[in-house]
Protein backbone atom coordinates (compact mmCIF):
# COMPACT_ATOMS: atom_id res chain seq x y z
CA MET A 1 -13.23 -13.51 -17.52
CA PRO A 2 -12.41 -15.72 -14.49
CA PRO A 3 -8.71 -16.27 -13.73
CA LYS A 4 -7.16 -19.58 -14.77
CA THR A 5 -4.23 -19.41 -12.35
CA ILE A 6 -4.20 -18.02 -8.81
CA GLY A 7 -1.12 -17.02 -6.86
CA LEU A 8 -1.79 -17.59 -3.15
CA ILE A 9 0.23 -15.67 -0.55
CA ALA A 10 -0.37 -15.63 3.22
CA HIS A 11 0.92 -13.85 6.30
CA THR A 12 2.70 -16.86 7.78
CA GLY A 13 2.73 -15.40 11.29
CA LYS A 14 -1.04 -15.55 11.70
CA PRO A 15 -2.54 -18.40 13.78
CA ARG A 16 -3.91 -21.36 11.78
CA VAL A 17 -3.21 -19.61 8.49
CA GLY A 18 -1.83 -22.87 7.07
CA ASP A 19 -5.25 -24.47 7.48
CA LEU A 20 -6.87 -21.49 5.78
CA VAL A 21 -4.43 -21.70 2.85
CA ASN A 22 -5.22 -25.38 2.31
CA ALA A 23 -8.95 -24.70 2.55
CA ILE A 24 -8.75 -21.88 -0.01
CA ALA A 25 -6.66 -24.01 -2.39
CA LYS A 26 -9.13 -26.89 -2.07
CA GLU A 27 -12.02 -24.56 -2.82
CA PHE A 28 -10.31 -23.25 -5.98
CA ASP A 29 -9.66 -26.84 -7.03
CA ARG A 30 -13.41 -27.45 -6.85
CA PHE A 31 -13.77 -24.85 -9.62
CA SER A 32 -10.83 -26.32 -11.60
CA ILE A 33 -8.68 -23.21 -11.02
CA SER A 34 -4.95 -23.80 -10.67
CA VAL A 35 -3.29 -22.49 -7.48
CA LEU A 36 0.41 -21.63 -7.09
CA LEU A 37 1.69 -21.10 -3.55
CA GLU A 38 4.37 -18.63 -2.52
CA LYS A 39 7.39 -20.38 -0.93
CA GLU A 40 6.82 -19.47 2.74
CA THR A 41 3.08 -19.96 2.31
CA ALA A 42 3.68 -23.44 0.88
CA ALA A 43 5.92 -24.34 3.84
CA ILE A 44 3.35 -23.36 6.46
CA ALA A 45 0.67 -25.25 4.54
CA GLY A 46 2.77 -28.41 4.61
CA LYS A 47 3.62 -28.42 0.89
CA LYS A 48 7.04 -29.43 -0.42
CA SER A 49 7.60 -26.65 -2.92
CA GLY A 50 6.48 -23.11 -3.64
CA HIS A 51 7.23 -20.19 -5.91
CA SER A 52 9.05 -16.89 -5.55
CA MET A 53 7.07 -13.66 -5.68
CA SER A 54 8.48 -12.84 -9.11
CA GLU A 55 7.40 -16.26 -10.40
CA LEU A 56 3.89 -15.71 -9.07
CA GLY A 57 3.82 -12.27 -10.67
CA ALA A 58 4.74 -13.78 -14.03
CA ALA A 59 2.44 -16.83 -13.94
CA ALA A 60 -0.69 -15.85 -12.01
CA ASP A 61 -3.73 -14.02 -13.37
CA LEU A 62 -4.79 -12.95 -9.86
CA LEU A 63 -2.98 -12.84 -6.52
CA VAL A 64 -5.04 -13.85 -3.48
CA VAL A 65 -3.46 -12.48 -0.31
CA ALA A 66 -4.51 -13.88 3.07
CA GLY A 67 -3.41 -11.38 5.69
CA GLY A 68 -3.97 -7.73 6.50
CA ASP A 69 -3.21 -4.45 4.76
CA GLY A 70 0.47 -4.81 5.65
CA THR A 71 0.66 -8.13 3.83
CA ILE A 72 -0.76 -6.58 0.67
CA LEU A 73 1.72 -3.68 0.91
CA HIS A 74 4.55 -6.20 1.29
CA VAL A 75 3.39 -8.10 -1.80
CA VAL A 76 3.19 -4.91 -3.89
CA GLY A 77 6.71 -3.99 -2.79
CA GLN A 78 8.02 -7.45 -3.77
CA LEU A 79 6.37 -7.45 -7.20
CA GLY A 80 8.30 -4.43 -8.45
CA GLU A 81 7.44 -3.65 -12.06
CA VAL A 82 5.19 -6.71 -12.49
CA ILE A 83 1.92 -5.52 -10.96
CA LYS A 84 -0.89 -8.09 -10.88
CA PRO A 85 -4.50 -7.77 -9.62
CA ILE A 86 -4.85 -8.49 -5.90
CA PHE A 87 -7.77 -9.95 -3.93
CA GLY A 88 -7.34 -9.61 -0.15
CA ILE A 89 -8.77 -11.98 2.46
CA ASN A 90 -8.54 -10.36 5.88
CA VAL A 91 -6.92 -12.29 8.71
CA GLY A 92 -5.55 -9.10 10.21
CA ALA A 93 -7.11 -6.25 12.16
CA LEU A 94 -8.53 -3.21 10.37
CA GLY A 95 -8.16 -4.18 6.71
CA PHE A 96 -9.00 -1.27 4.38
CA LEU A 97 -7.44 -3.09 1.41
CA THR A 98 -8.89 -6.56 1.98
CA CYS A 99 -12.36 -7.29 0.66
CA ALA A 100 -13.41 -10.53 2.40
CA SER A 101 -12.99 -12.05 5.85
CA SER A 102 -11.34 -15.41 6.51
CA SER A 103 -14.70 -16.82 7.62
CA THR A 104 -16.24 -16.10 4.20
CA TYR A 105 -13.45 -17.56 2.05
CA ARG A 106 -15.85 -19.95 0.30
CA GLU A 107 -18.05 -17.08 -0.89
CA ALA A 108 -14.92 -15.16 -1.91
CA VAL A 109 -13.59 -18.04 -4.01
CA GLU A 110 -16.99 -18.49 -5.65
CA CYS A 111 -17.12 -14.80 -6.58
CA ILE A 112 -13.65 -15.07 -8.13
CA ALA A 113 -14.48 -18.29 -9.99
CA LYS A 114 -17.73 -16.87 -11.37
CA ASP A 115 -16.15 -13.51 -12.29
CA ARG A 116 -18.29 -11.55 -9.84
CA ILE A 117 -15.57 -9.27 -8.50
CA ASN A 118 -14.90 -5.65 -9.33
CA PHE A 119 -11.56 -3.87 -9.57
CA SER A 120 -10.59 -0.40 -8.44
CA GLN A 121 -7.53 0.97 -10.24
CA ARG A 122 -5.37 2.25 -7.38
CA ALA A 123 -2.70 4.84 -8.11
CA LEU A 124 0.86 3.96 -7.14
CA LEU A 125 3.60 6.46 -6.41
CA GLU A 126 7.24 6.20 -7.36
CA ALA A 127 10.10 7.78 -5.49
CA ARG A 128 13.76 8.41 -6.31
CA VAL A 129 16.56 9.87 -4.22
CA ARG A 130 19.01 12.08 -6.14
CA LEU A 131 22.36 13.30 -4.91
CA GLY A 132 24.30 15.24 -7.51
CA GLU A 133 24.63 13.04 -10.61
CA LYS A 134 23.70 9.88 -8.70
CA GLN A 135 20.13 8.65 -8.53
CA THR A 136 18.52 5.56 -7.03
CA ALA A 137 16.30 3.22 -9.01
CA LYS A 138 12.63 4.11 -8.77
CA MET A 139 10.83 2.65 -5.78
CA ILE A 140 7.10 1.88 -5.85
CA ALA A 141 4.56 2.38 -3.06
CA LEU A 142 0.81 1.85 -2.79
CA ASN A 143 0.20 3.82 0.40
CA ASP A 144 2.81 6.47 1.05
CA ALA A 145 6.31 7.83 1.09
CA VAL A 146 7.36 9.14 4.52
CA LEU A 147 10.33 11.33 5.35
CA SER A 148 11.02 11.39 9.07
CA ARG A 149 13.67 12.01 11.68
CA GLY A 150 15.86 9.30 13.15
CA GLU A 151 16.09 8.22 16.77
CA LEU A 152 16.75 11.75 18.03
CA SER A 153 13.68 13.54 19.32
CA ARG A 154 14.27 16.60 17.16
CA LEU A 155 12.25 18.32 14.46
CA VAL A 156 13.51 18.23 10.89
CA LEU A 157 13.29 20.93 8.24
CA LEU A 158 11.89 19.67 4.94
CA CYS A 159 11.91 22.12 2.05
CA THR A 160 9.11 21.08 -0.30
CA ARG A 161 8.44 22.03 -3.93
CA VAL A 162 5.52 21.12 -6.21
CA ASN A 163 6.16 21.25 -9.97
CA GLY A 164 9.30 23.26 -9.33
CA GLU A 165 7.54 25.93 -7.26
CA SER A 166 8.30 26.35 -3.56
CA LEU A 167 5.48 25.19 -1.27
CA THR A 168 6.98 25.70 2.19
CA GLU A 169 9.64 24.49 4.57
CA PHE A 170 7.95 22.08 6.97
CA ASN A 171 9.36 22.12 10.50
CA ALA A 172 7.99 18.85 11.82
CA ASP A 173 8.67 15.28 12.93
CA GLY A 174 8.32 14.32 9.28
CA LEU A 175 6.26 14.54 6.12
CA ILE A 176 3.89 12.05 4.44
CA VAL A 177 3.07 11.98 0.74
CA ALA A 178 0.09 9.65 0.40
CA THR A 179 -1.98 8.23 -2.43
CA PRO A 180 -5.77 8.10 -2.01
CA THR A 181 -5.31 4.48 -0.89
CA GLY A 182 -2.78 5.61 1.72
CA SER A 183 -5.00 8.46 2.91
CA THR A 184 -6.68 6.04 5.35
CA ALA A 185 -3.32 4.96 6.81
CA TYR A 186 -0.53 7.04 8.42
CA SER A 187 -1.75 10.29 6.82
CA LEU A 188 -5.14 9.89 8.48
CA SER A 189 -3.49 9.33 11.86
CA ALA A 190 -1.49 12.54 11.32
CA GLY A 191 -4.67 14.54 10.68
CA GLY A 192 -4.91 14.24 6.89
CA PRO A 193 -8.18 13.91 4.93
CA ILE A 194 -9.74 10.71 3.59
CA LEU A 195 -9.55 10.65 -0.21
CA ASP A 196 -11.77 8.79 -2.65
CA PRO A 197 -9.61 6.23 -4.53
CA GLU A 198 -10.79 7.71 -7.84
CA SER A 199 -10.05 11.34 -6.86
CA GLY A 200 -6.86 11.66 -8.92
CA VAL A 201 -4.87 13.45 -6.22
CA PHE A 202 -2.11 12.99 -3.65
CA VAL A 203 -2.04 14.49 -0.16
CA ILE A 204 1.00 15.98 1.59
CA THR A 205 0.61 15.77 5.37
CA PRO A 206 3.12 17.04 7.96
CA ILE A 207 3.70 14.91 11.07
CA CYS A 208 3.34 16.94 14.28
CA PRO A 209 4.27 20.29 12.67
CA HIS A 210 5.79 22.95 14.92
CA VAL A 211 3.98 25.72 13.04
CA LEU A 212 0.22 25.48 13.51
CA THR A 213 -0.47 26.85 10.03
CA ASN A 214 1.30 23.85 8.45
CA ARG A 215 -1.56 21.60 7.37
CA SER A 216 -2.27 18.92 4.80
CA ILE A 217 -2.43 20.04 1.20
CA ILE A 218 -3.97 18.13 -1.70
CA VAL A 219 -2.20 18.21 -5.08
CA ALA A 220 -3.00 16.66 -8.45
CA ASN A 221 -1.43 13.23 -8.87
CA GLY A 222 0.22 14.48 -12.04
CA SER A 223 2.39 16.74 -9.89
CA THR A 224 6.10 16.28 -9.24
CA ILE A 225 6.88 16.67 -5.54
CA GLU A 226 10.46 17.39 -4.45
CA ILE A 227 11.57 17.29 -0.83
CA GLU A 228 14.96 18.28 0.52
CA ALA A 229 16.18 18.03 4.11
CA SER A 230 17.26 21.59 4.92
CA ASP A 231 18.97 20.95 8.26
CA PRO A 232 22.26 19.09 7.71
CA ASP A 233 22.83 18.32 11.38
CA TYR A 234 20.16 15.67 11.87
CA PRO A 235 19.53 12.50 9.84
CA VAL A 236 16.41 12.06 7.71
CA PHE A 237 15.03 8.74 6.51
CA LEU A 238 12.72 7.79 3.64
CA THR A 239 10.28 4.93 4.17
CA LEU A 240 7.95 3.52 1.49
CA ASP A 241 4.90 1.60 2.69
CA GLY A 242 6.61 0.85 6.00
CA ARG A 243 9.54 -0.98 4.40
CA LYS A 244 13.18 -0.68 5.48
CA PRO A 245 14.09 3.02 5.84
CA ILE A 246 16.61 4.64 3.49
CA HIS A 247 19.03 7.25 4.87
CA VAL A 248 18.66 10.48 2.91
CA GLU A 249 22.10 12.06 2.78
CA ARG A 250 22.72 15.77 3.12
CA GLY A 251 22.01 17.57 -0.16
CA SER A 252 19.80 14.79 -1.50
CA ILE A 253 16.46 15.51 -3.14
CA VAL A 254 13.60 13.03 -2.89
CA THR A 255 11.37 13.18 -5.97
CA ILE A 256 7.88 11.69 -5.77
CA ARG A 257 5.43 11.33 -8.64
CA LYS A 258 2.66 9.06 -9.84
CA ALA A 259 3.86 5.71 -11.21
CA LYS A 260 2.92 4.74 -14.75
CA LYS A 261 1.21 1.55 -13.60
CA THR A 262 -1.81 1.17 -11.32
CA LEU A 263 -2.81 -1.67 -9.01
CA PRO A 264 -6.13 -3.41 -9.80
CA LEU A 265 -7.47 -3.99 -6.28
CA ALA A 266 -10.43 -6.36 -6.01
CA SER A 267 -13.70 -5.75 -4.22
CA LEU A 268 -16.84 -7.84 -3.84
CA PRO A 269 -19.85 -6.85 -5.95
CA ASP A 270 -21.90 -5.38 -3.09
CA ALA A 271 -19.02 -3.33 -1.61
CA SER A 272 -18.07 0.28 -2.23
CA PHE A 273 -15.32 2.50 -0.89
CA PHE A 274 -17.78 4.47 1.23
CA SER A 275 -19.36 1.34 2.70
CA VAL A 276 -15.88 0.15 3.67
CA VAL A 277 -15.11 3.52 5.30
CA ARG A 278 -18.40 3.44 7.23
CA GLN A 279 -17.70 -0.09 8.42
CA LYS A 280 -14.03 0.28 9.31
CA LEU A 281 -14.38 3.67 11.01
CA LYS A 282 -17.67 2.68 12.64
CA TRP A 283 -19.59 5.63 11.20
CA SER A 284 -23.18 4.84 12.08
CA GLY A 285 -24.60 8.33 11.74
CA SER A 286 -25.82 10.84 14.28
CA ASN A 287 -27.71 9.76 17.39
CA LEU A 288 -29.43 13.14 17.59
């Protein structure tokens, strides 16, 4: 069933994005679909009023995000518990999460209006930091949770357990716990594998490990992963989807597990995960 109300959010730092926002809104109007603009998006498009992210999450049937992967990650982080389907229009660089380019926005709007889009249910992870009896609220991420050192160029020791059983103590610049969606992001750069979004697993990838036998390990996404900074002398920080880092105090345990909710991420009817990987990574096959 086509959406009746669209929430439109843009990366306001991109050139001419205001013109694109107005063009997208006009195109939706042609199909008699209501469009609500996020506050900063409305301002750059020359509109007098807009809506907060929470208001869009409550009112919209589908969120259309004009930006890159980072913009989509930002939106997911702002939505909190109210997860809505997302359709990404790429005005960024690589764009693994976006499914249409800015030059094809008319075709994208038509696919949405005529209910010709597909959705992939993307696993989210939730993280908490526990120190004694105190525990943070759960924090949601689409891509990854990263524990890393601070400004000092020193390795950190990260004692890691899976379902209560000791895995190893990673001696590295940091550690990434990534969803299948996040496997094409920081984890891939650190040498981790690419995971199919439907694989039902997470990947734990060390960043520049000192011990050569420390390598990525894939675990079921039903697992509970616990990470504790073993060396008290150097600070460790937790970052979710590239957001503001959280200082992990000495003795704290970071617990990471699959969130109860998933993100319905849109794709065009002729696209598949493997076609996106081939395109983005420029895999054209052997020349031999």
